[in-house]
Amino acid sequence: MAAGDYSAAARQARILADRGDAGAQALLGGLYEHGEGVPQNYSTARHFYRLSAAQGYALAQHNLALMYGLAKGGPQDLVLAYMWAN
C-alpha cells in the first residue's frame, strides 16, 4: 500500500473493524469524518466512533464527544458529548 492511499487503508480497516478491532473502527470513523478514501459521511463516522468508544478506545471517545457536541452525523446531544469527553 502506497503512502496516502486512503482507499486501500479504508478497505483493510473495514475488514478488521468488522471483526471488532477498536483501532480500525476509530480509523474508519476518521476516514468517514474527513472523506479520505471514502465518501464523507458524518453519520457513518459517528457509528464507527461509537463502536470503538464503547470498547474504551480513548481517541474514539474524544472524537465521538466532539461529534455529539457539534451535531455532526445526528442531533446535538450535550449530555452524551459530556459523557464521552469525561
N, C-alpha and C. Protein backbone atom coordinates (compact mmCIF):
# COMPACT_ATOMS: atom_id res chain seq x y z
N MET A 1 0.85 -1.17 0.00
CA MET A 1 0.00 0.00 0.00
C MET A 1 0.89 1.23 0.00
N ALA A 2 0.62 2.14 -0.90
CA ALA A 2 1.41 3.37 -1.01
C ALA A 2 0.98 4.37 0.06
N ALA A 3 1.91 5.19 0.49
CA ALA A 3 1.61 6.24 1.45
C ALA A 3 0.53 7.15 0.87
N GLY A 4 -0.47 7.47 1.70
CA GLY A 4 -1.55 8.34 1.25
C GLY A 4 -2.65 7.63 0.49
N ASP A 5 -2.60 6.30 0.40
CA ASP A 5 -3.63 5.54 -0.30
C ASP A 5 -4.77 5.26 0.69
N TYR A 6 -5.63 6.26 0.86
CA TYR A 6 -6.70 6.16 1.84
C TYR A 6 -7.74 5.11 1.48
N SER A 7 -7.97 4.91 0.19
CA SER A 7 -8.95 3.90 -0.23
C SER A 7 -8.51 2.51 0.21
N ALA A 8 -7.23 2.20 0.02
CA ALA A 8 -6.71 0.90 0.45
C ALA A 8 -6.75 0.78 1.97
N ALA A 9 -6.42 1.86 2.65
CA ALA A 9 -6.47 1.84 4.12
C ALA A 9 -7.89 1.58 4.60
N ALA A 10 -8.87 2.21 3.95
CA ALA A 10 -10.27 2.02 4.33
C ALA A 10 -10.70 0.58 4.11
N ARG A 11 -10.29 -0.01 3.00
CA ARG A 11 -10.66 -1.40 2.72
C ARG A 11 -10.06 -2.35 3.78
N GLN A 12 -8.80 -2.14 4.10
CA GLN A 12 -8.16 -3.01 5.08
C GLN A 12 -8.72 -2.78 6.48
N ALA A 13 -8.98 -1.53 6.83
CA ALA A 13 -9.53 -1.23 8.14
C ALA A 13 -10.93 -1.81 8.29
N ARG A 14 -11.70 -1.81 7.20
CA ARG A 14 -13.06 -2.34 7.26
C ARG A 14 -13.07 -3.82 7.63
N ILE A 15 -12.12 -4.57 7.11
CA ILE A 15 -12.03 -6.00 7.44
C ILE A 15 -11.80 -6.17 8.94
N LEU A 16 -10.86 -5.41 9.48
CA LEU A 16 -10.56 -5.50 10.92
C LEU A 16 -11.70 -4.95 11.77
N ALA A 17 -12.30 -3.86 11.32
CA ALA A 17 -13.40 -3.25 12.06
C ALA A 17 -14.58 -4.21 12.16
N ASP A 18 -14.85 -4.92 11.08
CA ASP A 18 -15.94 -5.89 11.10
C ASP A 18 -15.68 -7.04 12.07
N ARG A 19 -14.42 -7.25 12.42
CA ARG A 19 -14.03 -8.27 13.39
C ARG A 19 -14.00 -7.71 14.81
N GLY A 20 -14.32 -6.41 14.96
CA GLY A 20 -14.38 -5.79 16.28
C GLY A 20 -13.14 -5.07 16.73
N ASP A 21 -12.18 -4.84 15.85
CA ASP A 21 -10.95 -4.15 16.21
C ASP A 21 -11.23 -2.66 16.46
N ALA A 22 -11.04 -2.22 17.71
CA ALA A 22 -11.37 -0.85 18.10
C ALA A 22 -10.51 0.19 17.36
N GLY A 23 -9.25 -0.11 17.15
CA GLY A 23 -8.38 0.82 16.44
C GLY A 23 -8.82 1.01 15.00
N ALA A 24 -9.20 -0.07 14.35
CA ALA A 24 -9.67 0.00 12.97
C ALA A 24 -11.01 0.74 12.90
N GLN A 25 -11.86 0.53 13.88
CA GLN A 25 -13.14 1.24 13.91
C GLN A 25 -12.92 2.74 14.07
N ALA A 26 -11.99 3.12 14.93
CA ALA A 26 -11.67 4.54 15.11
C ALA A 26 -11.08 5.12 13.83
N LEU A 27 -10.21 4.37 13.19
CA LEU A 27 -9.62 4.83 11.93
C LEU A 27 -10.71 5.05 10.89
N LEU A 28 -11.62 4.09 10.75
CA LEU A 28 -12.71 4.25 9.79
C LEU A 28 -13.57 5.46 10.14
N GLY A 29 -13.81 5.68 11.41
CA GLY A 29 -14.55 6.87 11.82
C GLY A 29 -13.88 8.13 11.31
N GLY A 30 -12.58 8.20 11.46
CA GLY A 30 -11.83 9.36 10.97
C GLY A 30 -11.86 9.49 9.47
N LEU A 31 -11.74 8.38 8.77
CA LEU A 31 -11.77 8.42 7.31
C LEU A 31 -13.13 8.91 6.82
N TYR A 32 -14.21 8.41 7.42
CA TYR A 32 -15.54 8.87 7.02
C TYR A 32 -15.80 10.32 7.45
N GLU A 33 -15.29 10.71 8.60
CA GLU A 33 -15.49 12.09 9.05
C GLU A 33 -14.84 13.08 8.09
N HIS A 34 -13.67 12.73 7.58
CA HIS A 34 -12.92 13.66 6.73
C HIS A 34 -13.03 13.36 5.24
N GLY A 35 -13.73 12.27 4.90
CA GLY A 35 -13.90 11.93 3.49
C GLY A 35 -12.61 11.54 2.80
N GLU A 36 -11.79 10.79 3.49
CA GLU A 36 -10.50 10.36 2.94
C GLU A 36 -10.59 8.88 2.55
N GLY A 37 -10.63 8.62 1.25
CA GLY A 37 -10.70 7.25 0.74
C GLY A 37 -12.11 6.68 0.70
N VAL A 38 -13.05 7.39 1.30
CA VAL A 38 -14.46 7.02 1.32
C VAL A 38 -15.26 8.31 1.21
N PRO A 39 -16.52 8.22 0.80
CA PRO A 39 -17.33 9.44 0.77
C PRO A 39 -17.51 10.00 2.19
N GLN A 40 -17.42 11.31 2.34
CA GLN A 40 -17.61 11.91 3.66
C GLN A 40 -19.03 11.63 4.14
N ASN A 41 -19.12 11.09 5.35
CA ASN A 41 -20.42 10.74 5.90
C ASN A 41 -20.33 10.81 7.42
N TYR A 42 -20.85 11.86 8.00
CA TYR A 42 -20.74 12.05 9.45
C TYR A 42 -21.52 11.00 10.23
N SER A 43 -22.64 10.56 9.71
CA SER A 43 -23.42 9.53 10.39
C SER A 43 -22.64 8.22 10.49
N THR A 44 -21.99 7.83 9.42
CA THR A 44 -21.18 6.61 9.43
C THR A 44 -19.96 6.79 10.33
N ALA A 45 -19.37 7.98 10.31
CA ALA A 45 -18.23 8.27 11.19
C ALA A 45 -18.65 8.11 12.64
N ARG A 46 -19.80 8.67 12.98
CA ARG A 46 -20.29 8.57 14.35
C ARG A 46 -20.51 7.11 14.74
N HIS A 47 -21.04 6.32 13.81
CA HIS A 47 -21.27 4.90 14.06
C HIS A 47 -19.97 4.17 14.42
N PHE A 48 -18.93 4.38 13.60
CA PHE A 48 -17.67 3.68 13.86
C PHE A 48 -16.99 4.20 15.12
N TYR A 49 -17.06 5.50 15.36
CA TYR A 49 -16.51 6.04 16.61
C TYR A 49 -17.23 5.42 17.81
N ARG A 50 -18.56 5.27 17.71
CA ARG A 50 -19.33 4.72 18.82
C ARG A 50 -18.92 3.28 19.12
N LEU A 51 -18.74 2.48 18.06
CA LEU A 51 -18.31 1.09 18.25
C LEU A 51 -16.96 1.03 18.97
N SER A 52 -16.04 1.87 18.53
CA SER A 52 -14.70 1.90 19.13
C SER A 52 -14.72 2.46 20.55
N ALA A 53 -15.46 3.54 20.73
CA ALA A 53 -15.54 4.19 22.04
C ALA A 53 -16.11 3.25 23.09
N ALA A 54 -17.08 2.45 22.70
CA ALA A 54 -17.69 1.50 23.64
C ALA A 54 -16.69 0.46 24.14
N GLN A 55 -15.60 0.27 23.40
CA GLN A 55 -14.56 -0.66 23.81
C GLN A 55 -13.46 0.03 24.63
N GLY A 56 -13.65 1.33 24.89
CA GLY A 56 -12.70 2.07 25.71
C GLY A 56 -11.57 2.74 24.96
N TYR A 57 -11.68 2.84 23.63
CA TYR A 57 -10.64 3.46 22.82
C TYR A 57 -10.73 4.98 22.99
N ALA A 58 -9.74 5.57 23.65
CA ALA A 58 -9.81 6.97 24.08
C ALA A 58 -9.96 7.96 22.93
N LEU A 59 -9.24 7.77 21.85
CA LEU A 59 -9.34 8.71 20.72
C LEU A 59 -10.75 8.71 20.15
N ALA A 60 -11.36 7.54 20.05
CA ALA A 60 -12.72 7.44 19.54
C ALA A 60 -13.70 8.11 20.52
N GLN A 61 -13.46 7.96 21.80
CA GLN A 61 -14.32 8.60 22.80
C GLN A 61 -14.26 10.12 22.64
N HIS A 62 -13.06 10.64 22.46
CA HIS A 62 -12.87 12.08 22.27
C HIS A 62 -13.58 12.56 21.00
N ASN A 63 -13.35 11.84 19.90
CA ASN A 63 -13.94 12.25 18.62
C ASN A 63 -15.46 12.12 18.65
N LEU A 64 -15.97 11.10 19.30
CA LEU A 64 -17.41 10.93 19.42
C LEU A 64 -18.01 12.07 20.24
N ALA A 65 -17.34 12.45 21.31
CA ALA A 65 -17.81 13.58 22.12
C ALA A 65 -17.90 14.84 21.26
N LEU A 66 -16.90 15.08 20.44
CA LEU A 66 -16.94 16.25 19.56
C LEU A 66 -18.10 16.17 18.56
N MET A 67 -18.33 15.00 18.02
CA MET A 67 -19.41 14.85 17.04
C MET A 67 -20.77 15.10 17.69
N TYR A 68 -20.97 14.59 18.91
CA TYR A 68 -22.22 14.86 19.61
C TYR A 68 -22.34 16.35 19.94
N GLY A 69 -21.25 16.95 20.38
CA GLY A 69 -21.29 18.36 20.76
C GLY A 69 -21.53 19.29 19.59
N LEU A 70 -21.00 18.93 18.43
CA LEU A 70 -21.12 19.77 17.24
C LEU A 70 -22.27 19.36 16.32
N ALA A 71 -23.05 18.36 16.73
CA ALA A 71 -24.17 17.86 15.94
C ALA A 71 -23.74 17.36 14.57
N LYS A 72 -22.61 16.69 14.53
CA LYS A 72 -22.14 16.09 13.28
C LYS A 72 -22.66 14.66 13.21
N GLY A 73 -23.40 14.34 12.17
CA GLY A 73 -23.89 12.98 11.98
C GLY A 73 -25.16 12.64 12.72
N GLY A 74 -25.78 13.62 13.31
CA GLY A 74 -27.01 13.40 14.04
C GLY A 74 -27.30 14.60 14.92
N PRO A 75 -28.34 14.50 15.72
CA PRO A 75 -28.70 15.65 16.56
C PRO A 75 -27.65 15.93 17.63
N GLN A 76 -27.58 17.19 18.01
CA GLN A 76 -26.67 17.57 19.08
C GLN A 76 -27.17 16.96 20.39
N ASP A 77 -26.26 16.41 21.16
CA ASP A 77 -26.60 15.85 22.46
C ASP A 77 -25.46 16.19 23.42
N LEU A 78 -25.66 17.26 24.16
CA LEU A 78 -24.59 17.74 25.04
C LEU A 78 -24.36 16.82 26.22
N VAL A 79 -25.36 16.06 26.62
CA VAL A 79 -25.18 15.11 27.72
C VAL A 79 -24.25 13.98 27.25
N LEU A 80 -24.51 13.43 26.05
CA LEU A 80 -23.63 12.39 25.55
C LEU A 80 -22.24 12.95 25.22
N ALA A 81 -22.19 14.18 24.74
CA ALA A 81 -20.89 14.80 24.47
C ALA A 81 -20.07 14.86 25.76
N TYR A 82 -20.69 15.29 26.84
CA TYR A 82 -20.01 15.37 28.12
C TYR A 82 -19.61 13.99 28.61
N MET A 83 -20.54 13.03 28.49
CA MET A 83 -20.26 11.68 28.94
C MET A 83 -19.02 11.10 28.25
N TRP A 84 -18.97 11.20 26.93
CA TRP A 84 -17.84 10.63 26.20
C TRP A 84 -16.57 11.42 26.41
N ALA A 85 -16.67 12.72 26.65
CA ALA A 85 -15.48 13.53 26.92
C ALA A 85 -14.92 13.24 28.30
N ASN A 86 -15.79 12.89 29.19
CA ASN A 86 -15.38 12.65 30.57
C ASN A 86 -14.89 11.23 30.71
